[in-house]
Amino acid sequence: MEMKVFSLFDATGKMEEIKPVQNLPMFCKVFIYGVGMSEAQGAIISGPDQYGSYKVVKISDWDPGFRSLDKYSRPHSKKFGIGIYYDDDLNTWPESEVNKYIKLAEIATKEAKDEAEAKSKADEAEKKSLPSLFPHLVVNFNDDQKTTKINLVAELRKNFPDIKFSVVKNHYDAYSVSWTNGPTTEEVTKITGKFENSENDWSGDFRDYAPSNFNRVFGGFKYVFENRYTSEEINNLLPELKILLGNYKERYPEQILHRIVSKTSIPVNACNFRLTRNEITCGQIEDFYNITFDV
């Protein structure tokens, strides 16, 4: 008995039963819609396989390749979202035109395969070399979070031996790294960023798993957050900054001080903090001042 397939969402907002595609002709035009509102056209180049799917070639000079139109695809007049839709009138492409793009797709497919194989070999070589490059870290092929945290702390200590860091777990797969004064957030992020095994997708709405070879060997977290705090001696520079700003003091001096500090690396034994005017005469207000100190 043939099962029934329903679309939960369509242009009308109603549930609709989708009938299997029946006997699409060779070279039938199809319309391909992908992520990021990308659009392309294609042509059917095979009959249905055992699952009712048709092989499709893209009619594209800049992005050639093969696709698949499944058994429950819909006509173009019922387009709704990402997918491949066939031409309502079953119009076809000229065979000579389709053959041209089949050749381009075959070349692109082979190039992609060769590139994937080369990358796989390079990845394996890099993973084998990493333990010797980071002898102070523990190999963590199982991605155990406790071991990953140990590695994160060890890497911070190696790069910033005089700074005391707090590494605290937030929720299931996120950690916060906090410290006072010391290196800038940008400097610390170069270290902590290696331990993030995910990245935002093109829309920025989702976090996708995308581990580096470093993560595959030493582990990683979905998120690592950096929180740099400043000591009371630096916070006490605010009245001095207000005097230096003069008529500009209404421009949120607290934020300006924060931005000045954010670009300043502060040794652990720094003292006698003060603000000085530098030689810069254009740009943002915070660019005009430096935090100086004795060591």
Protein backbone atom coordinates (compact mmCIF):
# COMPACT_ATOMS: atom_id res chain seq x y z
CA MET A 1 0.00 0.00 0.00
CA GLU A 2 1.39 3.37 -1.05
CA MET A 3 1.96 5.63 1.92
CA LYS A 4 0.62 9.18 1.94
CA VAL A 5 2.94 12.18 2.25
CA PHE A 6 1.77 15.56 3.47
CA SER A 7 3.31 19.01 3.39
CA LEU A 8 2.89 20.75 6.75
CA PHE A 9 3.65 24.17 5.30
CA ASP A 10 2.93 25.73 1.94
CA ALA A 11 2.02 29.11 0.53
CA THR A 12 -1.56 28.78 1.79
CA GLY A 13 -0.55 27.74 5.30
CA LYS A 14 -2.63 24.58 5.04
CA MET A 15 -1.69 20.91 5.15
CA GLU A 16 -1.59 19.39 1.69
CA GLU A 17 -1.12 15.83 0.47
CA ILE A 18 1.76 15.52 -2.01
CA LYS A 19 1.35 13.01 -4.80
CA PRO A 20 4.39 11.17 -6.21
CA VAL A 21 5.94 12.65 -9.34
CA GLN A 22 4.80 10.76 -12.44
CA ASN A 23 6.88 10.19 -15.59
CA LEU A 24 8.87 13.41 -15.98
CA PRO A 25 10.43 13.57 -19.46
CA MET A 26 14.16 13.56 -20.13
CA PHE A 27 15.71 17.05 -20.08
CA CYS A 28 12.64 18.43 -18.30
CA LYS A 29 13.34 21.88 -16.85
CA VAL A 30 13.64 22.16 -13.08
CA PHE A 31 14.15 25.12 -10.75
CA ILE A 32 16.66 24.89 -7.90
CA TYR A 33 16.36 27.10 -4.80
CA GLY A 34 19.07 26.95 -2.13
CA VAL A 35 20.20 28.73 1.00
CA GLY A 36 20.79 32.46 0.90
CA MET A 37 18.05 32.91 -1.70
CA SER A 38 20.24 31.29 -4.38
CA GLU A 39 18.49 30.30 -7.60
CA ALA A 40 19.46 28.10 -10.54
CA GLN A 41 17.91 25.98 -13.24
CA GLY A 42 18.54 22.39 -14.18
CA ALA A 43 17.50 19.48 -16.37
CA ILE A 44 16.43 15.93 -15.61
CA ILE A 45 18.95 13.47 -17.08
CA SER A 46 17.61 10.10 -15.93
CA GLY A 47 14.45 8.15 -15.37
CA PRO A 48 13.30 7.52 -11.80
CA ASP A 49 15.46 5.17 -9.74
CA GLN A 50 14.16 2.51 -7.34
CA TYR A 51 13.20 5.24 -4.89
CA GLY A 52 11.46 7.38 -7.51
CA SER A 53 14.19 10.05 -7.61
CA TYR A 54 15.46 11.72 -10.80
CA LYS A 55 19.05 12.78 -11.45
CA VAL A 56 19.39 16.47 -12.30
CA VAL A 57 22.24 18.46 -13.85
CA LYS A 58 22.56 22.17 -13.08
CA ILE A 59 22.45 24.49 -16.08
CA SER A 60 25.17 26.74 -14.72
CA ASP A 61 28.57 27.86 -15.98
CA TRP A 62 29.80 29.14 -12.60
CA ASP A 63 28.44 26.39 -10.31
CA PRO A 64 28.04 23.18 -12.34
CA GLY A 65 27.09 19.93 -10.65
CA PHE A 66 24.50 17.23 -10.17
CA ARG A 67 21.42 17.26 -7.94
CA SER A 68 18.48 14.96 -7.22
CA LEU A 69 14.75 15.62 -7.57
CA ASP A 70 12.92 13.33 -5.17
CA LYS A 71 9.73 11.39 -5.64
CA TYR A 72 7.59 13.93 -3.80
CA SER A 73 8.83 17.12 -5.44
CA ARG A 74 6.23 19.64 -6.50
CA PRO A 75 5.64 21.73 -9.63
CA HIS A 76 7.13 25.20 -9.82
CA SER A 77 3.71 26.80 -9.39
CA LYS A 78 3.65 25.37 -5.85
CA LYS A 79 7.12 26.61 -4.89
CA PHE A 80 7.52 27.22 -1.18
CA GLY A 81 11.01 27.56 0.20
CA ILE A 82 14.26 25.71 -0.50
CA GLY A 83 14.02 22.75 -2.85
CA ILE A 84 13.88 21.56 -6.48
CA TYR A 85 10.66 22.04 -8.45
CA TYR A 86 9.81 20.78 -11.94
CA ASP A 87 8.33 22.87 -14.72
CA ASP A 88 4.50 22.80 -14.70
CA ASP A 89 4.30 22.47 -18.48
CA LEU A 90 7.13 19.89 -18.58
CA ASN A 91 9.15 22.02 -20.98
CA THR A 92 12.55 20.57 -21.87
CA TRP A 93 16.08 21.80 -22.61
CA PRO A 94 17.78 21.03 -25.95
CA GLU A 95 19.78 17.81 -25.64
CA SER A 96 22.98 19.44 -26.92
CA GLU A 97 22.69 22.12 -24.22
CA VAL A 98 22.17 19.54 -21.50
CA ASN A 99 25.14 17.44 -22.68
CA LYS A 100 27.37 20.48 -22.41
CA TYR A 101 26.49 20.94 -18.75
CA ILE A 102 26.77 17.23 -18.00
CA LYS A 103 30.43 17.43 -19.06
CA LEU A 104 30.98 20.52 -16.91
CA ALA A 105 29.32 18.80 -13.94
CA GLU A 106 31.48 15.69 -14.37
CA ILE A 107 34.63 17.84 -14.36
CA ALA A 108 33.45 19.75 -11.28
CA THR A 109 32.55 16.51 -9.48
CA LYS A 110 36.00 15.02 -10.15
CA GLU A 111 37.73 18.22 -9.02
CA ALA A 112 35.68 18.26 -5.82
CA LYS A 113 36.54 14.61 -5.15
CA ASP A 114 40.25 15.21 -5.74
CA GLU A 115 40.14 18.28 -3.51
CA ALA A 116 38.35 16.35 -0.74
CA GLU A 117 40.93 13.54 -0.90
CA ALA A 118 43.83 16.02 -0.75
CA LYS A 119 42.24 17.79 2.21
CA SER A 120 41.69 14.48 3.98
CA LYS A 121 45.37 13.60 3.63
CA ALA A 122 46.44 17.05 4.81
CA ASP A 123 44.08 16.81 7.80
CA GLU A 124 45.50 13.44 8.82
CA ALA A 125 49.05 14.77 8.58
CA GLU A 126 48.17 17.82 10.67
CA LYS A 127 46.41 15.77 13.35
CA LYS A 128 49.47 13.51 13.67
CA SER A 129 51.76 16.55 14.09
CA LEU A 130 49.68 18.42 16.68
CA PRO A 131 50.66 16.41 19.82
CA SER A 132 54.34 17.21 19.25
CA LEU A 133 53.54 20.89 18.60
CA PHE A 134 51.53 21.12 21.85
CA PRO A 135 53.31 18.73 24.23
CA HIS A 136 51.70 20.43 27.26
CA LEU A 137 48.20 19.40 26.11
CA VAL A 138 46.43 16.05 26.58
CA VAL A 139 45.25 14.14 23.49
CA ASN A 140 41.46 14.05 23.70
CA PHE A 141 40.04 12.09 20.77
CA ASN A 142 36.81 11.38 22.71
CA ASP A 143 36.18 15.11 23.18
CA ASP A 144 35.75 14.70 26.94
CA GLN A 145 34.78 18.10 28.38
CA LYS A 146 36.86 17.76 31.54
CA THR A 147 39.95 17.00 29.48
CA THR A 148 39.16 19.87 27.12
CA LYS A 149 38.95 22.25 30.09
CA ILE A 150 42.32 20.97 31.35
CA ASN A 151 43.78 21.71 27.91
CA LEU A 152 42.24 25.17 27.79
CA VAL A 153 43.70 26.05 31.19
CA ALA A 154 47.09 24.62 30.21
CA GLU A 155 47.19 26.66 26.99
CA LEU A 156 46.28 29.84 28.86
CA ARG A 157 48.98 29.22 31.46
CA LYS A 158 51.61 28.58 28.81
CA ASN A 159 50.85 31.80 26.92
CA PHE A 160 50.12 33.99 29.95
CA PRO A 161 52.05 32.42 32.84
CA ASP A 162 51.66 35.37 35.22
CA ILE A 163 47.90 35.83 34.82
CA LYS A 164 45.29 34.13 36.98
CA PHE A 165 42.34 32.96 34.87
CA SER A 166 38.96 31.68 35.98
CA VAL A 167 37.50 29.04 33.66
CA VAL A 168 33.87 28.29 34.52
CA LYS A 169 31.30 26.10 32.77
CA ASN A 170 28.09 27.79 31.58
CA HIS A 171 25.21 25.50 30.69
CA TYR A 172 25.93 22.30 28.76
CA ASP A 173 28.64 23.19 26.25
CA ALA A 174 29.89 26.70 27.01
CA TYR A 175 32.72 28.04 29.15
CA SER A 176 33.58 31.54 30.38
CA VAL A 177 37.18 32.68 30.78
CA SER A 178 37.67 35.64 33.13
CA TRP A 179 40.72 37.61 34.29
CA THR A 180 41.66 41.05 35.64
CA ASN A 181 43.91 43.51 33.77
CA GLY A 182 46.58 41.44 32.00
CA PRO A 183 46.36 40.76 28.25
CA THR A 184 43.68 42.31 26.05
CA THR A 185 40.57 40.37 25.12
CA GLU A 186 41.87 40.15 21.56
CA GLU A 187 45.10 38.52 22.75
CA VAL A 188 43.25 35.97 24.90
CA THR A 189 40.74 35.19 22.15
CA LYS A 190 43.59 34.01 19.93
CA ILE A 191 44.04 31.22 22.49
CA THR A 192 40.46 30.54 23.59
CA GLY A 193 39.16 30.72 20.02
CA LYS A 194 41.06 27.54 19.19
CA PHE A 195 38.81 25.69 21.63
CA GLU A 196 35.54 26.62 19.90
CA ASN A 197 34.36 23.73 17.74
CA SER A 198 31.31 25.50 16.25
CA GLU A 199 30.60 28.53 14.11
CA ASN A 200 27.61 30.64 13.16
CA ASP A 201 25.90 29.69 9.92
CA TRP A 202 25.44 32.15 7.07
CA SER A 203 22.25 33.55 8.63
CA GLY A 204 23.72 34.02 12.10
CA ASP A 205 20.68 32.30 13.61
CA PHE A 206 22.26 28.89 14.21
CA ARG A 207 25.48 27.50 15.62
CA ASP A 208 26.86 24.66 13.49
CA TYR A 209 29.37 22.03 14.58
CA ALA A 210 32.58 22.76 12.65
CA PRO A 211 35.57 21.31 14.52
CA SER A 212 39.12 22.12 13.51
CA ASN A 213 41.87 19.51 13.55
CA PHE A 214 42.98 21.09 16.82
CA ASN A 215 39.51 20.32 18.25
CA ARG A 216 39.59 16.76 16.94
CA VAL A 217 42.85 16.15 18.80
CA PHE A 218 42.48 18.26 21.95
CA GLY A 219 38.70 18.82 22.23
CA GLY A 220 36.42 21.83 21.94
CA PHE A 221 33.33 23.60 23.23
CA LYS A 222 30.38 25.09 21.39
CA TYR A 223 31.06 28.49 22.95
CA VAL A 224 33.97 30.08 24.82
CA PHE A 225 33.32 33.55 26.24
CA GLU A 226 35.99 36.01 27.36
CA ASN A 227 35.43 38.46 30.25
CA ARG A 228 38.19 40.91 31.07
CA TYR A 229 37.83 42.94 34.27
CA THR A 230 39.82 45.98 35.37
CA SER A 231 41.29 46.68 38.78
CA GLU A 232 40.12 49.50 41.03
CA GLU A 233 43.28 51.51 40.28
CA ILE A 234 42.28 51.69 36.61
CA ASN A 235 38.65 52.46 37.38
CA ASN A 236 39.88 55.38 39.50
CA LEU A 237 41.23 57.02 36.34
CA LEU A 238 37.71 58.11 35.41
CA PRO A 239 37.87 61.57 37.11
CA GLU A 240 41.20 62.23 35.38
CA LEU A 241 39.67 61.25 32.03
CA LYS A 242 36.74 63.62 32.57
CA ILE A 243 39.20 66.49 33.05
CA LEU A 244 41.13 65.53 29.90
CA LEU A 245 37.94 65.26 27.86
CA GLY A 246 36.81 68.75 28.80
CA ASN A 247 33.83 69.60 26.60
CA TYR A 248 33.64 66.00 25.43
CA LYS A 249 32.90 64.57 28.88
CA GLU A 250 29.20 64.30 28.05
CA ARG A 251 30.13 61.53 25.62
CA TYR A 252 29.91 58.73 28.18
CA PRO A 253 33.44 58.84 29.70
CA GLU A 254 32.92 55.42 31.30
CA GLN A 255 32.61 53.86 27.84
CA ILE A 256 35.61 55.82 26.54
CA LEU A 257 37.73 54.60 29.45
CA HIS A 258 36.62 51.03 28.75
CA ARG A 259 37.66 51.34 25.11
CA ILE A 260 41.05 52.80 26.07
CA VAL A 261 41.63 49.91 28.46
CA SER A 262 40.47 47.34 25.89
CA LYS A 263 43.45 48.13 23.63
CA THR A 264 45.99 48.16 26.47
CA SER A 265 47.86 45.08 27.68
CA ILE A 266 48.68 45.48 31.38
CA PRO A 267 51.47 43.48 33.09
CA VAL A 268 50.56 41.80 36.35
CA ASN A 269 53.05 43.96 38.28
CA ALA A 270 51.96 47.29 36.79
CA CYS A 271 51.34 50.20 39.16
CA ASN A 272 50.98 53.98 39.29
CA PHE A 273 48.42 54.13 36.48
CA ARG A 274 47.79 57.40 34.65
CA LEU A 275 46.25 58.74 31.45
CA THR A 276 48.35 60.57 28.86
CA ARG A 277 47.49 62.43 25.67
CA ASN A 278 49.26 61.01 22.61
CA GLU A 279 50.09 62.58 19.23
CA ILE A 280 47.03 61.30 17.38
CA THR A 281 44.77 64.15 16.18
CA CYS A 282 42.03 62.35 14.24
CA GLY A 283 39.88 59.31 14.73
CA GLN A 284 37.86 58.14 17.72
CA ILE A 285 38.22 59.96 21.04
CA GLU A 286 39.66 56.88 22.74
CA ASP A 287 42.49 56.89 20.17
CA PHE A 288 43.79 60.17 21.60
CA TYR A 289 44.73 58.73 25.01
CA ASN A 290 46.92 55.99 26.43
CA ILE A 291 47.08 54.33 29.81
CA THR A 292 50.63 54.44 31.09
CA PHE A 293 52.05 52.81 34.19
CA ASP A 294 55.21 51.81 36.02
CA VAL A 295 56.39 48.22 36.24
